[in-house]
Amino acid sequence: MSDGLPHVNFGDAIAAVKIGHRISRAGWNGKGMFVFLVKTWTFTDGKTDNQPLLPFLAMQTVTGAQVPWLASQTDILAEDWTIL
C-alpha cells in the first residue's frame, strides 16, 4: 500500500478510536475520509431539547460532511487501517 503510513488491523484501529484517534483505510477511494468516535451528543426531537445519544462511530466523507458509520465485512477484515 502506497500511502506511506503504518497499517494495522481493525481491532487495533478500533482500540485507537476509543482513546480519541481518527482512523482511515488505505483502500478507501476518497481523500480525507476518516472514522471517529462521537462520545457525547444530544439532539432535539421537536418537542424537547437535549435528548441524549449513546456513543457512536461517525465518518467524515470526501465532501467534509459527517455521517453515522457502520463497518462493512471488508472493513472488518482489512489490514490496511491507519491511525491518524
C-alpha atoms as a PDB file:
ATOM      1  CA  MET A   1       0.000   0.000   0.000  1.00  0.00           C
ATOM      2  CA  SER A   2       1.418   3.269  -1.074  1.00  0.00           C
ATOM      3  CA  ASP A   3       0.163   5.816   1.465  1.00  0.00           C
ATOM      4  CA  GLY A   4       3.424   5.610   3.426  1.00  0.00           C
ATOM      5  CA  LEU A   5       1.693   5.133   6.789  1.00  0.00           C
ATOM      6  CA  PRO A   6       1.972   2.053   9.019  1.00  0.00           C
ATOM      7  CA  HIS A   7      -1.041  -0.228   8.706  1.00  0.00           C
ATOM      8  CA  VAL A   8      -2.951  -2.060  11.440  1.00  0.00           C
ATOM      9  CA  ASN A   9      -5.910  -4.429  11.627  1.00  0.00           C
ATOM     10  CA  PHE A  10      -9.462  -3.407  12.536  1.00  0.00           C
ATOM     11  CA  GLY A  11      -9.103  -4.393  16.195  1.00  0.00           C
ATOM     12  CA  ASP A  12      -6.084  -2.145  16.654  1.00  0.00           C
ATOM     13  CA  ALA A  13      -7.812   0.656  14.740  1.00  0.00           C
ATOM     14  CA  ILE A  14     -10.921   0.473  16.952  1.00  0.00           C
ATOM     15  CA  ALA A  15      -8.754   0.471  20.088  1.00  0.00           C
ATOM     16  CA  ALA A  16      -7.168   3.691  18.816  1.00  0.00           C
ATOM     17  CA  VAL A  17     -10.584   5.257  18.116  1.00  0.00           C
ATOM     18  CA  LYS A  18     -11.668   4.517  21.694  1.00  0.00           C
ATOM     19  CA  ILE A  19      -8.829   6.659  23.049  1.00  0.00           C
ATOM     20  CA  GLY A  20      -9.529   9.568  20.720  1.00  0.00           C
ATOM     21  CA  HIS A  21      -7.688   8.906  17.449  1.00  0.00           C
ATOM     22  CA  ARG A  22      -9.189   9.095  13.973  1.00  0.00           C
ATOM     23  CA  ILE A  23      -8.747   6.119  11.642  1.00  0.00           C
ATOM     24  CA  SER A  24      -8.802   5.615   7.901  1.00  0.00           C
ATOM     25  CA  ARG A  25      -8.234   2.878   5.342  1.00  0.00           C
ATOM     26  CA  ALA A  26      -5.689   2.923   2.549  1.00  0.00           C
ATOM     27  CA  GLY A  27      -8.271   1.017   0.449  1.00  0.00           C
ATOM     28  CA  TRP A  28     -10.842   3.815   0.506  1.00  0.00           C
ATOM     29  CA  ASN A  29     -11.082   5.750  -2.742  1.00  0.00           C
ATOM     30  CA  GLY A  30     -11.904   9.181  -1.315  1.00  0.00           C
ATOM     31  CA  LYS A  31      -9.261  11.514   0.067  1.00  0.00           C
ATOM     32  CA  GLY A  32      -9.764  12.982   3.524  1.00  0.00           C
ATOM     33  CA  MET A  33     -12.194  10.302   4.717  1.00  0.00           C
ATOM     34  CA  PHE A  34     -11.825   9.097   8.289  1.00  0.00           C
ATOM     35  CA  VAL A  35     -13.778   7.487  11.134  1.00  0.00           C
ATOM     36  CA  PHE A  36     -14.005   8.929  14.629  1.00  0.00           C
ATOM     37  CA  LEU A  37     -15.888   8.334  17.886  1.00  0.00           C
ATOM     38  CA  VAL A  38     -18.695  10.635  18.949  1.00  0.00           C
ATOM     39  CA  LYS A  39     -18.757  10.219  22.734  1.00  0.00           C
ATOM     40  CA  THR A  40     -21.479  12.590  23.834  1.00  0.00           C
ATOM     41  CA  TRP A  41     -24.141  14.205  21.746  1.00  0.00           C
ATOM     42  CA  THR A  42     -27.664  15.483  22.142  1.00  0.00           C
ATOM     43  CA  PHE A  43     -30.429  16.241  19.683  1.00  0.00           C
ATOM     44  CA  THR A  44     -33.874  17.781  19.661  1.00  0.00           C
ATOM     45  CA  ASP A  45     -36.906  15.689  18.794  1.00  0.00           C
ATOM     46  CA  GLY A  46     -39.079  18.713  18.032  1.00  0.00           C
ATOM     47  CA  LYS A  47     -40.771  18.629  21.438  1.00  0.00           C
ATOM     48  CA  THR A  48     -37.938  18.587  23.941  1.00  0.00           C
ATOM     49  CA  ASP A  49     -34.304  19.603  23.632  1.00  0.00           C
ATOM     50  CA  ASN A  50     -31.116  17.760  24.531  1.00  0.00           C
ATOM     51  CA  GLN A  51     -32.174  14.149  24.129  1.00  0.00           C
ATOM     52  CA  PRO A  52     -29.025  12.089  24.874  1.00  0.00           C
ATOM     53  CA  LEU A  53     -27.474   9.739  22.328  1.00  0.00           C
ATOM     54  CA  LEU A  54     -25.152   6.852  23.147  1.00  0.00           C
ATOM     55  CA  PRO A  55     -21.592   6.929  21.741  1.00  0.00           C
ATOM     56  CA  PHE A  56     -21.297   6.003  18.049  1.00  0.00           C
ATOM     57  CA  LEU A  57     -18.832   5.942  15.182  1.00  0.00           C
ATOM     58  CA  ALA A  58     -19.062   8.620  12.515  1.00  0.00           C
ATOM     59  CA  MET A  59     -17.254   9.176   9.230  1.00  0.00           C
ATOM     60  CA  GLN A  60     -16.063  12.349   7.633  1.00  0.00           C
ATOM     61  CA  THR A  61     -16.875  11.997   3.941  1.00  0.00           C
ATOM     62  CA  VAL A  62     -14.995  13.294   0.917  1.00  0.00           C
ATOM     63  CA  THR A  63     -17.224  16.382   0.942  1.00  0.00           C
ATOM     64  CA  GLY A  64     -16.427  17.145   4.601  1.00  0.00           C
ATOM     65  CA  ALA A  65     -19.853  16.094   5.869  1.00  0.00           C
ATOM     66  CA  GLN A  66     -20.101  13.766   8.858  1.00  0.00           C
ATOM     67  CA  VAL A  67     -22.432  10.767   8.896  1.00  0.00           C
ATOM     68  CA  PRO A  68     -23.003   7.790  11.224  1.00  0.00           C
ATOM     69  CA  TRP A  69     -20.806   4.875  10.133  1.00  0.00           C
ATOM     70  CA  LEU A  70     -21.016   1.085  10.260  1.00  0.00           C
ATOM     71  CA  ALA A  71     -18.115  -1.160   9.284  1.00  0.00           C
ATOM     72  CA  SER A  72     -18.603  -3.462   6.302  1.00  0.00           C
ATOM     73  CA  GLN A  73     -17.333  -7.048   6.237  1.00  0.00           C
ATOM     74  CA  THR A  74     -14.456  -5.826   4.082  1.00  0.00           C
ATOM     75  CA  ASP A  75     -13.599  -3.064   6.579  1.00  0.00           C
ATOM     76  CA  ILE A  76     -13.604  -5.514   9.489  1.00  0.00           C
ATOM     77  CA  LEU A  77     -11.256  -7.959   7.759  1.00  0.00           C
ATOM     78  CA  ALA A  78      -8.961  -5.319   6.235  1.00  0.00           C
ATOM     79  CA  GLU A  79      -5.336  -4.967   7.309  1.00  0.00           C
ATOM     80  CA  ASP A  80      -4.846  -1.514   5.769  1.00  0.00           C
ATOM     81  CA  TRP A  81      -6.159   0.681   8.592  1.00  0.00           C
ATOM     82  CA  THR A  82      -4.133   3.724   9.539  1.00  0.00           C
ATOM     83  CA  ILE A  83      -4.261   5.645  12.798  1.00  0.00           C
ATOM     84  CA  LEU A  84      -4.288   9.377  12.103  1.00  0.00           C
END
